[in-house]
């Protein structure tokens, strides 16, 4: 995020924003929190699929053999 009074030189991906506004900071924090919750939900969905037998080819059981 680059504030309007900052020089964006050297920044690869400029996201214009205003860090002086409480509403803007709340918006950024909400977006970050939503992304975290979405990632957690996706991870839980993947675990649930594996537990239900979907995508079971991801895990391979190997028996220990006595040498």
PDB file of N, CA and C in Angstrom:
ATOM      1  N   UNK A   1       0.854  -1.164   0.000  1.00  0.00           N
ATOM      2  CA  UNK A   1       0.000   0.000   0.000  1.00  0.00           C
ATOM      3  C   UNK A   1       0.904   1.232   0.000  1.00  0.00           C
ATOM      4  N   UNK A   2       0.628   2.134  -0.887  1.00  0.00           N
ATOM      5  CA  UNK A   2       1.423   3.354  -0.995  1.00  0.00           C
ATOM      6  C   UNK A   2       0.513   4.548  -0.736  1.00  0.00           C
ATOM      7  N   UNK A   3       0.898   5.346   0.231  1.00  0.00           N
ATOM      8  CA  UNK A   3       0.142   6.542   0.559  1.00  0.00           C
ATOM      9  C   UNK A   3       0.307   7.556  -0.568  1.00  0.00           C
ATOM     10  N   UNK A   4      -0.648   8.430  -0.697  1.00  0.00           N
ATOM     11  CA  UNK A   4      -0.624   9.420  -1.776  1.00  0.00           C
ATOM     12  C   UNK A   4       0.541  10.398  -1.660  1.00  0.00           C
ATOM     13  N   UNK A   5       1.134  10.533  -0.496  1.00  0.00           N
ATOM     14  CA  UNK A   5       2.263  11.451  -0.357  1.00  0.00           C
ATOM     15  C   UNK A   5       3.596  10.704  -0.309  1.00  0.00           C
ATOM     16  N   UNK A   6       3.633   9.492  -0.850  1.00  0.00           N
ATOM     17  CA  UNK A   6       4.844   8.677  -0.864  1.00  0.00           C
ATOM     18  C   UNK A   6       5.299   8.483  -2.305  1.00  0.00           C
ATOM     19  N   UNK A   7       6.604   8.417  -2.514  1.00  0.00           N
ATOM     20  CA  UNK A   7       7.162   8.178  -3.836  1.00  0.00           C
ATOM     21  C   UNK A   7       7.137   6.673  -4.102  1.00  0.00           C
ATOM     22  N   UNK A   8       6.404   6.221  -5.128  1.00  0.00           N
ATOM     23  CA  UNK A   8       6.298   4.785  -5.388  1.00  0.00           C
ATOM     24  C   UNK A   8       7.504   4.201  -6.138  1.00  0.00           C
ATOM     25  N   UNK A   9       8.547   4.975  -6.314  1.00  0.00           N
ATOM     26  CA  UNK A   9       9.726   4.482  -7.028  1.00  0.00           C
ATOM     27  C   UNK A   9      10.323   3.288  -6.281  1.00  0.00           C
ATOM     28  N   UNK A  10      10.613   2.227  -7.019  1.00  0.00           N
ATOM     29  CA  UNK A  10      11.188   1.032  -6.428  1.00  0.00           C
ATOM     30  C   UNK A  10      10.163   0.043  -5.910  1.00  0.00           C
ATOM     31  N   UNK A  11       8.891   0.352  -6.036  1.00  0.00           N
ATOM     32  CA  UNK A  11       7.825  -0.544  -5.585  1.00  0.00           C
ATOM     33  C   UNK A  11       7.255  -1.246  -6.806  1.00  0.00           C
ATOM     34  N   UNK A  12       7.242  -2.578  -6.787  1.00  0.00           N
ATOM     35  CA  UNK A  12       6.794  -3.353  -7.939  1.00  0.00           C
ATOM     36  C   UNK A  12       5.290  -3.281  -8.159  1.00  0.00           C
ATOM     37  N   UNK A  13       4.523  -3.426  -7.103  1.00  0.00           N
ATOM     38  CA  UNK A  13       3.068  -3.436  -7.214  1.00  0.00           C
ATOM     39  C   UNK A  13       2.503  -2.336  -6.323  1.00  0.00           C
ATOM     40  N   UNK A  14       2.089  -1.263  -6.941  1.00  0.00           N
ATOM     41  CA  UNK A  14       1.583  -0.119  -6.195  1.00  0.00           C
ATOM     42  C   UNK A  14       0.094  -0.308  -5.925  1.00  0.00           C
ATOM     43  N   UNK A  15      -0.267  -0.249  -4.668  1.00  0.00           N
ATOM     44  CA  UNK A  15      -1.671  -0.273  -4.258  1.00  0.00           C
ATOM     45  C   UNK A  15      -1.929   1.076  -3.606  1.00  0.00           C
ATOM     46  N   UNK A  16      -2.631   1.963  -4.315  1.00  0.00           N
ATOM     47  CA  UNK A  16      -2.861   3.284  -3.734  1.00  0.00           C
ATOM     48  C   UNK A  16      -3.756   3.199  -2.515  1.00  0.00           C
ATOM     49  N   UNK A  17      -3.426   3.974  -1.528  1.00  0.00           N
ATOM     50  CA  UNK A  17      -4.228   3.959  -0.315  1.00  0.00           C
ATOM     51  C   UNK A  17      -3.913   5.136   0.571  1.00  0.00           C
ATOM     52  N   UNK A  18      -4.665   5.241   1.632  1.00  0.00           N
ATOM     53  CA  UNK A  18      -4.485   6.335   2.571  1.00  0.00           C
ATOM     54  C   UNK A  18      -4.385   5.737   3.964  1.00  0.00           C
ATOM     55  N   UNK A  19      -3.178   5.779   4.532  1.00  0.00           N
ATOM     56  CA  UNK A  19      -3.007   5.189   5.854  1.00  0.00           C
ATOM     57  C   UNK A  19      -3.362   6.154   6.982  1.00  0.00           C
ATOM     58  N   UNK A  20      -3.810   7.352   6.638  1.00  0.00           N
ATOM     59  CA  UNK A  20      -4.196   8.333   7.648  1.00  0.00           C
ATOM     60  C   UNK A  20      -5.667   8.243   8.012  1.00  0.00           C
ATOM     61  N   UNK A  21      -6.422   7.498   7.245  1.00  0.00           N
ATOM     62  CA  UNK A  21      -7.861   7.402   7.460  1.00  0.00           C
ATOM     63  C   UNK A  21      -8.204   6.144   8.263  1.00  0.00           C
ATOM     64  N   UNK A  22      -8.979   6.307   9.312  1.00  0.00           N
ATOM     65  CA  UNK A  22      -9.392   5.168  10.123  1.00  0.00           C
ATOM     66  C   UNK A  22     -10.245   4.205   9.303  1.00  0.00           C
ATOM     67  N   UNK A  23     -11.068   4.743   8.406  1.00  0.00           N
ATOM     68  CA  UNK A  23     -11.905   3.884   7.565  1.00  0.00           C
ATOM     69  C   UNK A  23     -11.047   3.054   6.617  1.00  0.00           C
ATOM     70  N   UNK A  24      -9.991   3.655   6.076  1.00  0.00           N
ATOM     71  CA  UNK A  24      -9.112   2.934   5.168  1.00  0.00           C
ATOM     72  C   UNK A  24      -8.375   1.823   5.909  1.00  0.00           C
ATOM     73  N   UNK A  25      -7.870   2.108   7.082  1.00  0.00           N
ATOM     74  CA  UNK A  25      -7.165   1.105   7.871  1.00  0.00           C
ATOM     75  C   UNK A  25      -8.117  -0.033   8.228  1.00  0.00           C
ATOM     76  N   UNK A  26      -9.345   0.273   8.584  1.00  0.00           N
ATOM     77  CA  UNK A  26     -10.338  -0.760   8.894  1.00  0.00           C
ATOM     78  C   UNK A  26     -10.629  -1.607   7.655  1.00  0.00           C
ATOM     79  N   UNK A  27     -10.700  -0.978   6.496  1.00  0.00           N
ATOM     80  CA  UNK A  27     -10.937  -1.695   5.247  1.00  0.00           C
ATOM     81  C   UNK A  27      -9.795  -2.662   4.962  1.00  0.00           C
ATOM     82  N   UNK A  28      -8.542  -2.218   5.124  1.00  0.00           N
ATOM     83  CA  UNK A  28      -7.384  -3.074   4.885  1.00  0.00           C
ATOM     84  C   UNK A  28      -7.374  -4.232   5.876  1.00  0.00           C
ATOM     85  N   UNK A  29      -7.631  -3.946   7.132  1.00  0.00           N
ATOM     86  CA  UNK A  29      -7.635  -4.995   8.159  1.00  0.00           C
ATOM     87  C   UNK A  29      -8.738  -6.013   7.888  1.00  0.00           C
ATOM     88  N   UNK A  30      -9.903  -5.547   7.448  1.00  0.00           N
ATOM     89  CA  UNK A  30     -11.018  -6.447   7.135  1.00  0.00           C
ATOM     90  C   UNK A  30     -10.657  -7.336   5.947  1.00  0.00           C
ATOM     91  N   UNK A  31     -10.022  -6.765   4.928  1.00  0.00           N
ATOM     92  CA  UNK A  31      -9.625  -7.551   3.755  1.00  0.00           C
ATOM     93  C   UNK A  31      -8.608  -8.628   4.132  1.00  0.00           C
ATOM     94  N   UNK A  32      -7.658  -8.290   4.991  1.00  0.00           N
ATOM     95  CA  UNK A  32      -6.662  -9.260   5.438  1.00  0.00           C
ATOM     96  C   UNK A  32      -7.331 -10.358   6.262  1.00  0.00           C
ATOM     97  N   UNK A  33      -8.226  -9.976   7.171  1.00  0.00           N
ATOM     98  CA  UNK A  33      -8.919 -10.956   8.003  1.00  0.00           C
ATOM     99  C   UNK A  33      -9.784 -11.885   7.142  1.00  0.00           C
ATOM    100  N   UNK A  34     -10.463 -11.339   6.153  1.00  0.00           N
ATOM    101  CA  UNK A  34     -11.284 -12.165   5.263  1.00  0.00           C
ATOM    102  C   UNK A  34     -10.425 -13.157   4.487  1.00  0.00           C
ATOM    103  N   UNK A  35      -9.252 -12.719   4.039  1.00  0.00           N
ATOM    104  CA  UNK A  35      -8.351 -13.615   3.313  1.00  0.00           C
ATOM    105  C   UNK A  35      -7.868 -14.747   4.219  1.00  0.00           C
ATOM    106  N   UNK A  36      -7.568 -14.443   5.461  1.00  0.00           N
ATOM    107  CA  UNK A  36      -7.132 -15.467   6.421  1.00  0.00           C
ATOM    108  C   UNK A  36      -8.258 -16.473   6.656  1.00  0.00           C
ATOM    109  N   UNK A  37      -9.470 -15.981   6.878  1.00  0.00           N
ATOM    110  CA  UNK A  37     -10.607 -16.874   7.110  1.00  0.00           C
ATOM    111  C   UNK A  37     -10.886 -17.742   5.885  1.00  0.00           C
ATOM    112  N   UNK A  38     -10.768 -17.168   4.704  1.00  0.00           N
ATOM    113  CA  UNK A  38     -10.982 -17.930   3.473  1.00  0.00           C
ATOM    114  C   UNK A  38      -9.927 -19.029   3.326  1.00  0.00           C
ATOM    115  N   UNK A  39      -8.684 -18.718   3.649  1.00  0.00           N
ATOM    116  CA  UNK A  39      -7.625 -19.715   3.588  1.00  0.00           C
ATOM    117  C   UNK A  39      -7.839 -20.838   4.580  1.00  0.00           C
ATOM    118  N   UNK A  40      -8.249 -20.496   5.795  1.00  0.00           N
ATOM    119  CA  UNK A  40      -8.524 -21.523   6.805  1.00  0.00           C
ATOM    120  C   UNK A  40      -9.668 -22.423   6.362  1.00  0.00           C
ATOM    121  N   UNK A  41     -10.720 -21.826   5.795  1.00  0.00           N
ATOM    122  CA  UNK A  41     -11.865 -22.611   5.341  1.00  0.00           C
ATOM    123  C   UNK A  41     -11.460 -23.553   4.213  1.00  0.00           C
ATOM    124  N   UNK A  42     -10.629 -23.070   3.292  1.00  0.00           N
ATOM    125  CA  UNK A  42     -10.166 -23.919   2.194  1.00  0.00           C
ATOM    126  C   UNK A  42      -9.342 -25.077   2.727  1.00  0.00           C
ATOM    127  N   UNK A  43      -8.488 -24.814   3.719  1.00  0.00           N
ATOM    128  CA  UNK A  43      -7.672 -25.875   4.304  1.00  0.00           C
ATOM    129  C   UNK A  43      -8.559 -26.910   4.989  1.00  0.00           C
ATOM    130  N   UNK A  44      -9.569 -26.456   5.733  1.00  0.00           N
ATOM    131  CA  UNK A  44     -10.479 -27.382   6.410  1.00  0.00           C
ATOM    132  C   UNK A  44     -11.278 -28.204   5.405  1.00  0.00           C
ATOM    133  N   UNK A  45     -11.668 -27.592   4.299  1.00  0.00           N
ATOM    134  CA  UNK A  45     -12.393 -28.323   3.259  1.00  0.00           C
ATOM    135  C   UNK A  45     -11.515 -29.409   2.656  1.00  0.00           C
ATOM    136  N   UNK A  46     -10.221 -29.114   2.464  1.00  0.00           N
ATOM    137  CA  UNK A  46      -9.302 -30.118   1.935  1.00  0.00           C
ATOM    138  C   UNK A  46      -9.151 -31.276   2.909  1.00  0.00           C
ATOM    139  N   UNK A  47      -9.040 -30.976   4.202  1.00  0.00           N
ATOM    140  CA  UNK A  47      -8.925 -32.026   5.216  1.00  0.00           C
ATOM    141  C   UNK A  47     -10.197 -32.867   5.237  1.00  0.00           C
ATOM    142  N   UNK A  48     -11.351 -32.231   5.130  1.00  0.00           N
ATOM    143  CA  UNK A  48     -12.622 -32.956   5.148  1.00  0.00           C
ATOM    144  C   UNK A  48     -12.738 -33.874   3.934  1.00  0.00           C
ATOM    145  N   UNK A  49     -12.258 -33.430   2.779  1.00  0.00           N
ATOM    146  CA  UNK A  49     -12.305 -34.272   1.574  1.00  0.00           C
ATOM    147  C   UNK A  49     -11.435 -35.510   1.756  1.00  0.00           C
ATOM    148  N   UNK A  50     -10.262 -35.327   2.312  1.00  0.00           N
ATOM    149  CA  UNK A  50      -9.369 -36.461   2.532  1.00  0.00           C
ATOM    150  C   UNK A  50      -9.991 -37.422   3.540  1.00  0.00           C
ATOM    151  N   UNK A  51     -10.578 -36.893   4.594  1.00  0.00           N
ATOM    152  CA  UNK A  51     -11.197 -37.737   5.608  1.00  0.00           C
ATOM    153  C   UNK A  51     -12.391 -38.501   5.044  1.00  0.00           C
ATOM    154  N   UNK A  52     -13.090 -37.917   4.086  1.00  0.00           N
ATOM    155  CA  UNK A  52     -14.258 -38.553   3.492  1.00  0.00           C
ATOM    156  C   UNK A  52     -13.868 -39.558   2.410  1.00  0.00           C
ATOM    157  N   UNK A  53     -12.584 -39.622   2.088  1.00  0.00           N
ATOM    158  CA  UNK A  53     -12.149 -40.581   1.082  1.00  0.00           C
ATOM    159  C   UNK A  53     -11.915 -39.959  -0.275  1.00  0.00           C
ATOM    160  N   UNK A  54     -12.289 -38.729  -0.442  1.00  0.00           N
ATOM    161  CA  UNK A  54     -12.043 -38.046  -1.703  1.00  0.00           C
ATOM    162  C   UNK A  54     -10.579 -37.635  -1.731  1.00  0.00           C
ATOM    163  N   UNK A  55      -9.936 -37.855  -2.817  1.00  0.00           N
ATOM    164  CA  UNK A  55      -8.542 -37.452  -2.932  1.00  0.00           C
ATOM    165  C   UNK A  55      -7.622 -38.280  -2.060  1.00  0.00           C
ATOM    166  N   UNK A  56      -8.027 -39.541  -1.794  1.00  0.00           N
ATOM    167  CA  UNK A  56      -7.224 -40.368  -0.901  1.00  0.00           C
ATOM    168  C   UNK A  56      -5.907 -40.786  -1.531  1.00  0.00           C
ATOM    169  N   UNK A  57      -5.743 -40.540  -2.824  1.00  0.00           N
ATOM    170  CA  UNK A  57      -4.499 -40.907  -3.480  1.00  0.00           C
ATOM    171  C   UNK A  57      -3.337 -39.997  -3.074  1.00  0.00           C
ATOM    172  N   UNK A  58      -3.609 -38.971  -2.296  1.00  0.00           N
ATOM    173  CA  UNK A  58      -2.551 -38.085  -1.839  1.00  0.00           C
ATOM    174  C   UNK A  58      -1.696 -38.764  -0.787  1.00  0.00           C
ATOM    175  N   UNK A  59      -2.255 -39.699  -0.049  1.00  0.00           N
ATOM    176  CA  UNK A  59      -1.537 -40.364   1.027  1.00  0.00           C
ATOM    177  C   UNK A  59      -1.359 -41.848   0.670  1.00  0.00           C
ATOM    178  N   UNK A  60      -0.156 -42.313   0.851  1.00  0.00           N
ATOM    179  CA  UNK A  60       0.145 -43.706   0.552  1.00  0.00           C
ATOM    180  C   UNK A  60       0.616 -44.356   1.830  1.00  0.00           C
ATOM    181  N   UNK A  61      -0.009 -45.476   2.194  1.00  0.00           N
ATOM    182  CA  UNK A  61       0.380 -46.193   3.384  1.00  0.00           C
ATOM    183  C   UNK A  61       1.496 -47.181   3.042  1.00  0.00           C
ATOM    184  N   UNK A  62       2.538 -47.186   3.817  1.00  0.00           N
ATOM    185  CA  UNK A  62       3.664 -48.081   3.585  1.00  0.00           C
ATOM    186  C   UNK A  62       3.827 -48.952   4.816  1.00  0.00           C
ATOM    187  N   UNK A  63       3.875 -50.281   4.596  1.00  0.00           N
ATOM    188  CA  UNK A  63       4.054 -51.207   5.700  1.00  0.00           C
ATOM    189  C   UNK A  63       5.540 -51.342   6.008  1.00  0.00           C
ATOM    190  N   UNK A  64       5.870 -51.344   7.289  1.00  0.00           N
ATOM    191  CA  UNK A  64       7.256 -51.565   7.702  1.00  0.00           C
ATOM    192  C   UNK A  64       7.553 -53.057   7.576  1.00  0.00           C
ATOM    193  N   UNK A  65       8.631 -53.371   6.913  1.00  0.00           N
ATOM    194  CA  UNK A  65       9.004 -54.790   6.788  1.00  0.00           C
ATOM    195  C   UNK A  65      10.213 -55.062   7.678  1.00  0.00           C
ATOM    196  N   UNK A  66      10.211 -56.209   8.272  1.00  0.00           N
ATOM    197  CA  UNK A  66      11.335 -56.593   9.132  1.00  0.00           C
ATOM    198  C   UNK A  66      12.512 -56.976   8.250  1.00  0.00           C
ATOM    199  N   UNK A  67      13.651 -56.370   8.490  1.00  0.00           N
ATOM    200  CA  UNK A  67      14.825 -56.634   7.648  1.00  0.00           C
ATOM    201  C   UNK A  67      15.632 -57.785   8.169  1.00  0.00           C
TER     202      UNK A  67
END
